Amino acid sequence: MVDQAEIHPARLWKQMPDAEKLRAAEAFWRDPEGAQQQVEAMALLAQRLKARPRYIQGLAIERKAHHLAHYVGMPDLLAARLLVSYHLTHQRPMMATFLDAVGIPHENGLITSELEGGAVSPEKIAAGVKALEASYSADDVKRYFATLLAQDPDTWAGLEAHLKS
């Protein structure tokens, strides 16, 4: 079992295959809701590349995505945003399937209201796991569960049992 203390967005990011990191970074740069984190990312890239932030800002999304996908030492907050961008852009059907099985209201995989009642019960978690097992790769499911757990360990504590090394 994975220890919750070991689940950090930066560690999840580091474990992602390069192709998925690139997809996540492209989704991140195209996300209109991520302007604040995009400014932070431009500053990090400018510092790493010894360039001005204005130069980074002017790069094509594909170039910015490439640089960000290969950034070493990704901060947790930025990694968390990259993971969310990745899931919202590339994994919505999986997210919707899981949330339907768990019984959480959502709009195309995006939770639409504040979750009440604390942690999601182990029975509901088990139903969600079962719904994903047959249709999605184990790596994608594990990444999604780890992302949920990293974002909200209290609500998603039951997922910890499903993250095996």
N, C-alpha and C. Protein backbone atom coordinates (compact mmCIF):
# COMPACT_ATOMS: atom_id res chain seq x y z
N MET A 1 0.85 -1.18 0.00
CA MET A 1 0.00 0.00 0.00
C MET A 1 0.89 1.24 0.00
N VAL A 2 0.42 2.28 -0.60
CA VAL A 2 1.16 3.54 -0.67
C VAL A 2 0.82 4.37 0.56
N ASP A 3 1.83 4.92 1.18
CA ASP A 3 1.64 5.79 2.34
C ASP A 3 1.20 7.16 1.85
N GLN A 4 0.13 7.70 2.43
CA GLN A 4 -0.37 9.01 2.02
C GLN A 4 0.70 10.08 2.09
N ALA A 5 1.62 9.95 3.03
CA ALA A 5 2.68 10.95 3.16
C ALA A 5 3.60 10.95 1.93
N GLU A 6 3.60 9.84 1.17
CA GLU A 6 4.44 9.74 -0.02
C GLU A 6 3.75 10.29 -1.27
N ILE A 7 2.49 10.64 -1.18
CA ILE A 7 1.76 11.09 -2.36
C ILE A 7 1.83 12.61 -2.44
N HIS A 8 2.72 13.06 -3.30
CA HIS A 8 2.89 14.48 -3.56
C HIS A 8 2.76 14.70 -5.05
N PRO A 9 2.11 15.79 -5.46
CA PRO A 9 1.97 16.04 -6.90
C PRO A 9 3.30 16.02 -7.65
N ALA A 10 4.35 16.59 -7.07
CA ALA A 10 5.64 16.60 -7.76
C ALA A 10 6.18 15.20 -7.99
N ARG A 11 5.96 14.32 -7.05
CA ARG A 11 6.40 12.92 -7.20
C ARG A 11 5.56 12.22 -8.27
N LEU A 12 4.26 12.47 -8.27
CA LEU A 12 3.39 11.89 -9.31
C LEU A 12 3.83 12.37 -10.69
N TRP A 13 4.14 13.66 -10.77
CA TRP A 13 4.60 14.25 -12.02
C TRP A 13 5.89 13.57 -12.49
N LYS A 14 6.80 13.40 -11.58
CA LYS A 14 8.10 12.82 -11.92
C LYS A 14 7.93 11.39 -12.45
N GLN A 15 6.94 10.67 -11.96
CA GLN A 15 6.70 9.29 -12.36
C GLN A 15 5.95 9.14 -13.68
N MET A 16 5.38 10.22 -14.18
CA MET A 16 4.62 10.16 -15.44
C MET A 16 5.56 9.91 -16.61
N PRO A 17 5.09 9.13 -17.59
CA PRO A 17 5.89 8.96 -18.81
C PRO A 17 6.03 10.32 -19.52
N ASP A 18 7.14 10.50 -20.22
CA ASP A 18 7.41 11.77 -20.89
C ASP A 18 6.29 12.19 -21.84
N ALA A 19 5.73 11.25 -22.57
CA ALA A 19 4.66 11.59 -23.52
C ALA A 19 3.44 12.16 -22.79
N GLU A 20 3.14 11.60 -21.61
CA GLU A 20 2.00 12.09 -20.83
C GLU A 20 2.31 13.46 -20.21
N LYS A 21 3.56 13.66 -19.81
CA LYS A 21 3.96 14.97 -19.30
C LYS A 21 3.77 16.03 -20.37
N LEU A 22 4.15 15.71 -21.58
CA LEU A 22 4.00 16.66 -22.68
C LEU A 22 2.52 16.96 -22.94
N ARG A 23 1.68 15.95 -22.92
CA ARG A 23 0.23 16.16 -23.09
C ARG A 23 -0.32 17.03 -21.96
N ALA A 24 0.16 16.77 -20.74
CA ALA A 24 -0.29 17.55 -19.58
C ALA A 24 0.16 19.00 -19.71
N ALA A 25 1.41 19.21 -20.13
CA ALA A 25 1.93 20.57 -20.25
C ALA A 25 1.20 21.35 -21.34
N GLU A 26 0.88 20.69 -22.45
CA GLU A 26 0.12 21.37 -23.50
C GLU A 26 -1.27 21.74 -22.99
N ALA A 27 -1.91 20.83 -22.27
CA ALA A 27 -3.23 21.12 -21.70
C ALA A 27 -3.13 22.29 -20.71
N PHE A 28 -2.08 22.31 -19.92
CA PHE A 28 -1.86 23.37 -18.95
C PHE A 28 -1.77 24.73 -19.64
N TRP A 29 -0.98 24.83 -20.70
CA TRP A 29 -0.80 26.12 -21.37
C TRP A 29 -2.07 26.57 -22.10
N ARG A 30 -2.93 25.62 -22.45
CA ARG A 30 -4.18 25.96 -23.15
C ARG A 30 -5.34 26.23 -22.18
N ASP A 31 -5.12 26.02 -20.91
CA ASP A 31 -6.19 26.15 -19.91
C ASP A 31 -6.41 27.61 -19.55
N PRO A 32 -7.59 28.18 -19.90
CA PRO A 32 -7.85 29.59 -19.58
C PRO A 32 -8.00 29.84 -18.07
N GLU A 33 -8.22 28.80 -17.28
CA GLU A 33 -8.37 28.95 -15.84
C GLU A 33 -7.03 28.95 -15.10
N GLY A 34 -5.95 28.69 -15.80
CA GLY A 34 -4.67 28.52 -15.13
C GLY A 34 -3.70 29.68 -15.28
N ALA A 35 -4.20 30.89 -15.51
CA ALA A 35 -3.34 32.04 -15.79
C ALA A 35 -2.32 32.29 -14.68
N GLN A 36 -2.74 32.20 -13.43
CA GLN A 36 -1.82 32.47 -12.33
C GLN A 36 -0.67 31.46 -12.31
N GLN A 37 -0.99 30.18 -12.48
CA GLN A 37 0.05 29.16 -12.51
C GLN A 37 0.90 29.26 -13.77
N GLN A 38 0.32 29.74 -14.87
CA GLN A 38 1.08 29.92 -16.10
C GLN A 38 2.14 31.00 -15.92
N VAL A 39 1.81 32.06 -15.21
CA VAL A 39 2.78 33.12 -14.92
C VAL A 39 3.92 32.54 -14.08
N GLU A 40 3.58 31.75 -13.08
CA GLU A 40 4.59 31.09 -12.24
C GLU A 40 5.48 30.18 -13.10
N ALA A 41 4.87 29.42 -13.97
CA ALA A 41 5.63 28.51 -14.84
C ALA A 41 6.56 29.29 -15.77
N MET A 42 6.09 30.41 -16.30
CA MET A 42 6.94 31.23 -17.17
C MET A 42 8.15 31.76 -16.40
N ALA A 43 7.93 32.16 -15.17
CA ALA A 43 9.04 32.66 -14.35
C ALA A 43 10.06 31.55 -14.07
N LEU A 44 9.59 30.35 -13.77
CA LEU A 44 10.49 29.22 -13.54
C LEU A 44 11.29 28.88 -14.80
N LEU A 45 10.58 28.84 -15.93
CA LEU A 45 11.26 28.52 -17.19
C LEU A 45 12.26 29.61 -17.57
N ALA A 46 11.89 30.85 -17.35
CA ALA A 46 12.80 31.96 -17.67
C ALA A 46 14.07 31.84 -16.84
N GLN A 47 13.91 31.55 -15.57
CA GLN A 47 15.07 31.39 -14.69
C GLN A 47 15.93 30.22 -15.16
N ARG A 48 15.30 29.09 -15.46
CA ARG A 48 16.05 27.89 -15.87
C ARG A 48 16.76 28.10 -17.20
N LEU A 49 16.08 28.78 -18.13
CA LEU A 49 16.64 28.98 -19.47
C LEU A 49 17.48 30.25 -19.58
N LYS A 50 17.57 30.96 -18.46
CA LYS A 50 18.30 32.23 -18.44
C LYS A 50 17.78 33.17 -19.53
N ALA A 51 16.47 33.30 -19.52
CA ALA A 51 15.79 34.15 -20.49
C ALA A 51 14.84 35.07 -19.74
N ARG A 52 14.31 36.03 -20.45
CA ARG A 52 13.32 36.92 -19.84
C ARG A 52 11.95 36.26 -19.91
N PRO A 53 11.10 36.52 -18.91
CA PRO A 53 9.75 35.96 -18.94
C PRO A 53 8.99 36.33 -20.23
N ARG A 54 9.25 37.52 -20.74
CA ARG A 54 8.58 37.96 -21.97
C ARG A 54 8.94 37.04 -23.14
N TYR A 55 10.19 36.57 -23.18
CA TYR A 55 10.61 35.64 -24.23
C TYR A 55 9.83 34.33 -24.10
N ILE A 56 9.70 33.81 -22.88
CA ILE A 56 8.96 32.57 -22.63
C ILE A 56 7.50 32.75 -23.04
N GLN A 57 6.95 33.89 -22.69
CA GLN A 57 5.55 34.17 -23.01
C GLN A 57 5.32 34.13 -24.52
N GLY A 58 6.30 34.57 -25.29
CA GLY A 58 6.15 34.61 -26.74
C GLY A 58 6.37 33.29 -27.46
N LEU A 59 6.86 32.28 -26.74
CA LEU A 59 7.07 30.98 -27.37
C LEU A 59 5.75 30.32 -27.74
N ALA A 60 5.78 29.50 -28.76
CA ALA A 60 4.60 28.71 -29.13
C ALA A 60 4.28 27.75 -27.99
N ILE A 61 3.01 27.41 -27.88
CA ILE A 61 2.57 26.51 -26.81
C ILE A 61 3.37 25.21 -26.82
N GLU A 62 3.66 24.69 -27.99
CA GLU A 62 4.39 23.44 -28.08
C GLU A 62 5.79 23.55 -27.47
N ARG A 63 6.46 24.68 -27.68
CA ARG A 63 7.80 24.89 -27.11
C ARG A 63 7.72 25.08 -25.60
N LYS A 64 6.74 25.87 -25.15
CA LYS A 64 6.57 26.05 -23.70
C LYS A 64 6.26 24.71 -23.04
N ALA A 65 5.41 23.92 -23.70
CA ALA A 65 5.04 22.61 -23.16
C ALA A 65 6.27 21.70 -23.08
N HIS A 66 7.08 21.71 -24.11
CA HIS A 66 8.29 20.89 -24.11
C HIS A 66 9.20 21.27 -22.94
N HIS A 67 9.44 22.56 -22.77
CA HIS A 67 10.31 23.01 -21.68
C HIS A 67 9.72 22.66 -20.32
N LEU A 68 8.42 22.84 -20.17
CA LEU A 68 7.78 22.56 -18.88
C LEU A 68 7.76 21.05 -18.59
N ALA A 69 7.50 20.26 -19.61
CA ALA A 69 7.45 18.80 -19.44
C ALA A 69 8.81 18.25 -18.99
N HIS A 70 9.88 18.92 -19.35
CA HIS A 70 11.22 18.46 -19.00
C HIS A 70 11.85 19.26 -17.85
N TYR A 71 11.05 20.06 -17.18
CA TYR A 71 11.55 20.86 -16.07
C TYR A 71 11.90 19.93 -14.90
N VAL A 72 13.08 20.05 -14.38
CA VAL A 72 13.52 19.24 -13.25
C VAL A 72 13.26 20.04 -11.96
N GLY A 73 12.72 19.36 -10.96
CA GLY A 73 12.46 20.03 -9.69
C GLY A 73 11.12 20.75 -9.67
N MET A 74 10.12 20.16 -10.31
CA MET A 74 8.79 20.76 -10.40
C MET A 74 8.21 20.99 -8.99
N PRO A 75 7.78 22.23 -8.69
CA PRO A 75 7.14 22.50 -7.39
C PRO A 75 5.79 21.78 -7.28
N ASP A 76 5.42 21.40 -6.06
CA ASP A 76 4.17 20.67 -5.84
C ASP A 76 2.94 21.39 -6.38
N LEU A 77 2.82 22.69 -6.13
CA LEU A 77 1.62 23.40 -6.57
C LEU A 77 1.49 23.42 -8.09
N LEU A 78 2.59 23.61 -8.77
CA LEU A 78 2.55 23.61 -10.23
C LEU A 78 2.30 22.20 -10.76
N ALA A 79 2.91 21.21 -10.14
CA ALA A 79 2.67 19.82 -10.55
C ALA A 79 1.20 19.46 -10.36
N ALA A 80 0.60 19.92 -9.27
CA ALA A 80 -0.82 19.65 -9.02
C ALA A 80 -1.68 20.23 -10.13
N ARG A 81 -1.37 21.45 -10.55
CA ARG A 81 -2.15 22.08 -11.63
C ARG A 81 -1.96 21.34 -12.95
N LEU A 82 -0.73 20.90 -13.22
CA LEU A 82 -0.47 20.13 -14.43
C LEU A 82 -1.25 18.82 -14.45
N LEU A 83 -1.30 18.15 -13.30
CA LEU A 83 -2.06 16.90 -13.21
C LEU A 83 -3.56 17.14 -13.42
N VAL A 84 -4.07 18.21 -12.83
CA VAL A 84 -5.49 18.53 -13.01
C VAL A 84 -5.77 18.87 -14.48
N SER A 85 -4.91 19.67 -15.10
CA SER A 85 -5.08 20.01 -16.52
C SER A 85 -5.07 18.76 -17.38
N TYR A 86 -4.16 17.86 -17.07
CA TYR A 86 -4.06 16.60 -17.82
C TYR A 86 -5.36 15.80 -17.72
N HIS A 87 -5.84 15.63 -16.50
CA HIS A 87 -7.05 14.83 -16.31
C HIS A 87 -8.27 15.49 -16.94
N LEU A 88 -8.41 16.80 -16.76
CA LEU A 88 -9.58 17.48 -17.33
C LEU A 88 -9.57 17.47 -18.85
N THR A 89 -8.40 17.47 -19.45
CA THR A 89 -8.31 17.49 -20.90
C THR A 89 -8.32 16.09 -21.51
N HIS A 90 -7.65 15.15 -20.88
CA HIS A 90 -7.44 13.85 -21.51
C HIS A 90 -8.12 12.67 -20.82
N GLN A 91 -8.66 12.86 -19.64
CA GLN A 91 -9.21 11.72 -18.90
C GLN A 91 -10.65 11.93 -18.42
N ARG A 92 -11.36 12.84 -19.04
CA ARG A 92 -12.73 13.11 -18.57
C ARG A 92 -13.65 11.89 -18.61
N PRO A 93 -13.61 11.07 -19.65
CA PRO A 93 -14.50 9.89 -19.62
C PRO A 93 -14.22 8.98 -18.43
N MET A 94 -12.95 8.79 -18.11
CA MET A 94 -12.60 7.96 -16.96
C MET A 94 -13.10 8.61 -15.67
N MET A 95 -12.89 9.91 -15.55
CA MET A 95 -13.34 10.63 -14.36
C MET A 95 -14.86 10.53 -14.21
N ALA A 96 -15.59 10.69 -15.31
CA ALA A 96 -17.05 10.62 -15.28
C ALA A 96 -17.51 9.22 -14.89
N THR A 97 -16.87 8.20 -15.43
CA THR A 97 -17.22 6.82 -15.08
C THR A 97 -17.04 6.58 -13.59
N PHE A 98 -15.93 7.03 -13.05
CA PHE A 98 -15.65 6.85 -11.63
C PHE A 98 -16.67 7.60 -10.77
N LEU A 99 -16.90 8.86 -11.08
CA LEU A 99 -17.82 9.66 -10.26
C LEU A 99 -19.25 9.14 -10.35
N ASP A 100 -19.66 8.65 -11.52
CA ASP A 100 -20.98 8.02 -11.64
C ASP A 100 -21.08 6.82 -10.71
N ALA A 101 -20.07 5.97 -10.75
CA ALA A 101 -20.09 4.75 -9.93
C ALA A 101 -20.05 5.07 -8.43
N VAL A 102 -19.38 6.16 -8.07
CA VAL A 102 -19.27 6.55 -6.67
C VAL A 102 -20.52 7.32 -6.21
N GLY A 103 -21.28 7.84 -7.17
CA GLY A 103 -22.50 8.57 -6.85
C GLY A 103 -22.28 10.03 -6.52
N ILE A 104 -21.26 10.63 -7.13
CA ILE A 104 -20.97 12.04 -6.90
C ILE A 104 -21.43 12.84 -8.11
N PRO A 105 -22.26 13.87 -7.88
CA PRO A 105 -22.73 14.70 -9.00
C PRO A 105 -21.55 15.39 -9.71
N HIS A 106 -21.61 15.37 -11.03
CA HIS A 106 -20.52 15.98 -11.80
C HIS A 106 -21.06 16.42 -13.16
N GLU A 107 -20.26 17.22 -13.82
CA GLU A 107 -20.55 17.64 -15.18
C GLU A 107 -19.36 17.22 -16.03
N ASN A 108 -19.54 16.12 -16.77
CA ASN A 108 -18.48 15.61 -17.63
C ASN A 108 -17.17 15.39 -16.86
N GLY A 109 -17.28 14.79 -15.67
CA GLY A 109 -16.10 14.46 -14.88
C GLY A 109 -15.64 15.52 -13.91
N LEU A 110 -16.24 16.68 -13.96
CA LEU A 110 -15.88 17.77 -13.06
C LEU A 110 -16.93 17.84 -11.95
N ILE A 111 -16.49 17.65 -10.70
CA ILE A 111 -17.41 17.66 -9.56
C ILE A 111 -18.10 19.02 -9.49
N THR A 112 -19.43 19.00 -9.41
CA THR A 112 -20.21 20.24 -9.53
C THR A 112 -20.61 20.87 -8.20
N SER A 113 -20.46 20.14 -7.10
CA SER A 113 -20.84 20.74 -5.82
C SER A 113 -19.87 20.28 -4.74
N GLU A 114 -19.90 20.98 -3.64
CA GLU A 114 -19.05 20.64 -2.50
C GLU A 114 -19.46 19.27 -1.97
N LEU A 115 -18.47 18.42 -1.74
CA LEU A 115 -18.76 17.10 -1.21
C LEU A 115 -19.06 17.22 0.27
N GLU A 116 -20.16 16.60 0.67
CA GLU A 116 -20.56 16.66 2.07
C GLU A 116 -20.42 15.29 2.71
N GLY A 117 -20.23 15.28 3.99
CA GLY A 117 -20.20 14.02 4.72
C GLY A 117 -18.81 13.43 4.89
N GLY A 118 -17.78 14.19 4.61
CA GLY A 118 -16.42 13.70 4.84
C GLY A 118 -15.96 12.72 3.79
N ALA A 119 -15.28 11.69 4.25
CA ALA A 119 -14.66 10.71 3.36
C ALA A 119 -15.71 9.91 2.59
N VAL A 120 -15.36 9.60 1.35
CA VAL A 120 -16.20 8.73 0.55
C VAL A 120 -16.06 7.32 1.12
N SER A 121 -17.17 6.63 1.28
CA SER A 121 -17.16 5.32 1.94
C SER A 121 -16.37 4.29 1.13
N PRO A 122 -15.81 3.30 1.83
CA PRO A 122 -15.08 2.23 1.14
C PRO A 122 -15.94 1.48 0.13
N GLU A 123 -17.23 1.34 0.41
CA GLU A 123 -18.13 0.65 -0.51
C GLU A 123 -18.27 1.44 -1.82
N LYS A 124 -18.41 2.75 -1.71
CA LYS A 124 -18.52 3.57 -2.92
C LYS A 124 -17.19 3.58 -3.69
N ILE A 125 -16.09 3.66 -2.96
CA ILE A 125 -14.77 3.61 -3.59
C ILE A 125 -14.63 2.30 -4.36
N ALA A 126 -15.01 1.19 -3.73
CA ALA A 126 -14.91 -0.13 -4.38
C ALA A 126 -15.74 -0.18 -5.66
N ALA A 127 -16.93 0.44 -5.63
CA ALA A 127 -17.77 0.48 -6.83
C ALA A 127 -17.08 1.29 -7.94
N GLY A 128 -16.45 2.38 -7.56
CA GLY A 128 -15.73 3.20 -8.54
C GLY A 128 -14.55 2.47 -9.13
N VAL A 129 -13.81 1.76 -8.29
CA VAL A 129 -12.65 0.99 -8.75
C VAL A 129 -13.11 -0.08 -9.74
N LYS A 130 -14.16 -0.77 -9.40
CA LYS A 130 -14.69 -1.83 -10.26
C LYS A 130 -15.12 -1.27 -11.61
N ALA A 131 -15.72 -0.11 -11.60
CA ALA A 131 -16.19 0.51 -12.84
C ALA A 131 -15.03 0.86 -13.77
N LEU A 132 -13.87 1.16 -13.21
CA LEU A 132 -12.72 1.56 -14.03
C LEU A 132 -11.85 0.38 -14.46
N GLU A 133 -11.83 -0.67 -13.67
CA GLU A 133 -10.91 -1.78 -13.91
C GLU A 133 -10.98 -2.35 -15.33
N ALA A 134 -12.18 -2.52 -15.84
CA ALA A 134 -12.35 -3.20 -17.12
C ALA A 134 -12.04 -2.31 -18.32
N SER A 135 -12.18 -1.01 -18.17
CA SER A 135 -12.12 -0.13 -19.34
C SER A 135 -10.90 0.76 -19.44
N TYR A 136 -10.12 0.89 -18.38
CA TYR A 136 -9.01 1.85 -18.39
C TYR A 136 -7.73 1.18 -17.93
N SER A 137 -6.61 1.71 -18.40
CA SER A 137 -5.32 1.12 -18.04
C SER A 137 -5.07 1.31 -16.55
N ALA A 138 -4.37 0.35 -15.98
CA ALA A 138 -4.05 0.40 -14.55
C ALA A 138 -3.23 1.64 -14.22
N ASP A 139 -2.31 2.02 -15.12
CA ASP A 139 -1.49 3.21 -14.87
C ASP A 139 -2.32 4.48 -14.84
N ASP A 140 -3.28 4.61 -15.77
CA ASP A 140 -4.14 5.80 -15.79
C ASP A 140 -5.00 5.87 -14.54
N VAL A 141 -5.54 4.74 -14.14
CA VAL A 141 -6.40 4.68 -12.95
C VAL A 141 -5.58 5.03 -11.70
N LYS A 142 -4.40 4.45 -11.59
CA LYS A 142 -3.54 4.72 -10.43
C LYS A 142 -3.18 6.20 -10.37
N ARG A 143 -2.85 6.79 -11.52
CA ARG A 143 -2.49 8.21 -11.56
C ARG A 143 -3.69 9.07 -11.14
N TYR A 144 -4.87 8.72 -11.61
CA TYR A 144 -6.08 9.47 -11.25
C TYR A 144 -6.35 9.37 -9.75
N PHE A 145 -6.28 8.16 -9.21
CA PHE A 145 -6.53 7.98 -7.79
C PHE A 145 -5.50 8.72 -6.95
N ALA A 146 -4.24 8.65 -7.35
CA ALA A 146 -3.18 9.34 -6.61
C ALA A 146 -3.38 10.85 -6.67
N THR A 147 -3.84 11.34 -7.82
CA THR A 147 -4.11 12.77 -7.95
C THR A 147 -5.25 13.20 -7.02
N LEU A 148 -6.33 12.42 -7.00
CA LEU A 148 -7.44 12.73 -6.08
C LEU A 148 -6.96 12.71 -4.63
N LEU A 149 -6.18 11.71 -4.28
CA LEU A 149 -5.70 11.57 -2.91
C LEU A 149 -4.77 12.72 -2.54
N ALA A 150 -3.93 13.16 -3.47
CA ALA A 150 -3.02 14.28 -3.21
C ALA A 150 -3.80 15.58 -3.03
N GLN A 151 -4.90 15.74 -3.79
CA GLN A 151 -5.70 16.96 -3.71
C GLN A 151 -6.52 17.04 -2.43
N ASP A 152 -7.09 15.92 -2.04
CA ASP A 152 -7.99 15.93 -0.89
C ASP A 152 -7.90 14.59 -0.15
N PRO A 153 -6.87 14.44 0.68
CA PRO A 153 -6.64 13.16 1.36
C PRO A 153 -7.76 12.75 2.31
N ASP A 154 -8.49 13.70 2.85
CA ASP A 154 -9.58 13.35 3.78
C ASP A 154 -10.75 12.71 3.03
N THR A 155 -11.17 13.34 1.95
CA THR A 155 -12.31 12.82 1.18
C THR A 155 -11.98 11.50 0.51
N TRP A 156 -10.78 11.37 -0.02
CA TRP A 156 -10.42 10.22 -0.85
C TRP A 156 -9.52 9.22 -0.13
N ALA A 157 -9.52 9.22 1.18
CA ALA A 157 -8.65 8.31 1.96
C ALA A 157 -8.84 6.84 1.56
N GLY A 158 -10.04 6.47 1.19
CA GLY A 158 -10.31 5.09 0.79
C GLY A 158 -9.58 4.65 -0.46
N LEU A 159 -9.08 5.58 -1.23
CA LEU A 159 -8.35 5.23 -2.45
C LEU A 159 -6.96 4.70 -2.13
N GLU A 160 -6.45 5.02 -0.96
CA GLU A 160 -5.09 4.62 -0.60
C GLU A 160 -4.92 3.09 -0.72
N ALA A 161 -5.93 2.35 -0.35
CA ALA A 161 -5.86 0.88 -0.41
C ALA A 161 -5.75 0.38 -1.85
N HIS A 162 -6.11 1.20 -2.82
CA HIS A 162 -6.10 0.79 -4.23
C HIS A 162 -4.85 1.26 -4.97
N LEU A 163 -3.94 1.87 -4.24
CA LEU A 163 -2.68 2.32 -4.85
C LEU A 163 -1.56 1.40 -4.38
N LYS A 164 -1.37 0.35 -5.12
CA LYS A 164 -0.32 -0.60 -4.76
C LYS A 164 0.91 -0.33 -5.60
N SER A 165 2.05 -0.46 -4.99
CA SER A 165 3.31 -0.23 -5.69
C SER A 165 3.58 -1.28 -6.73
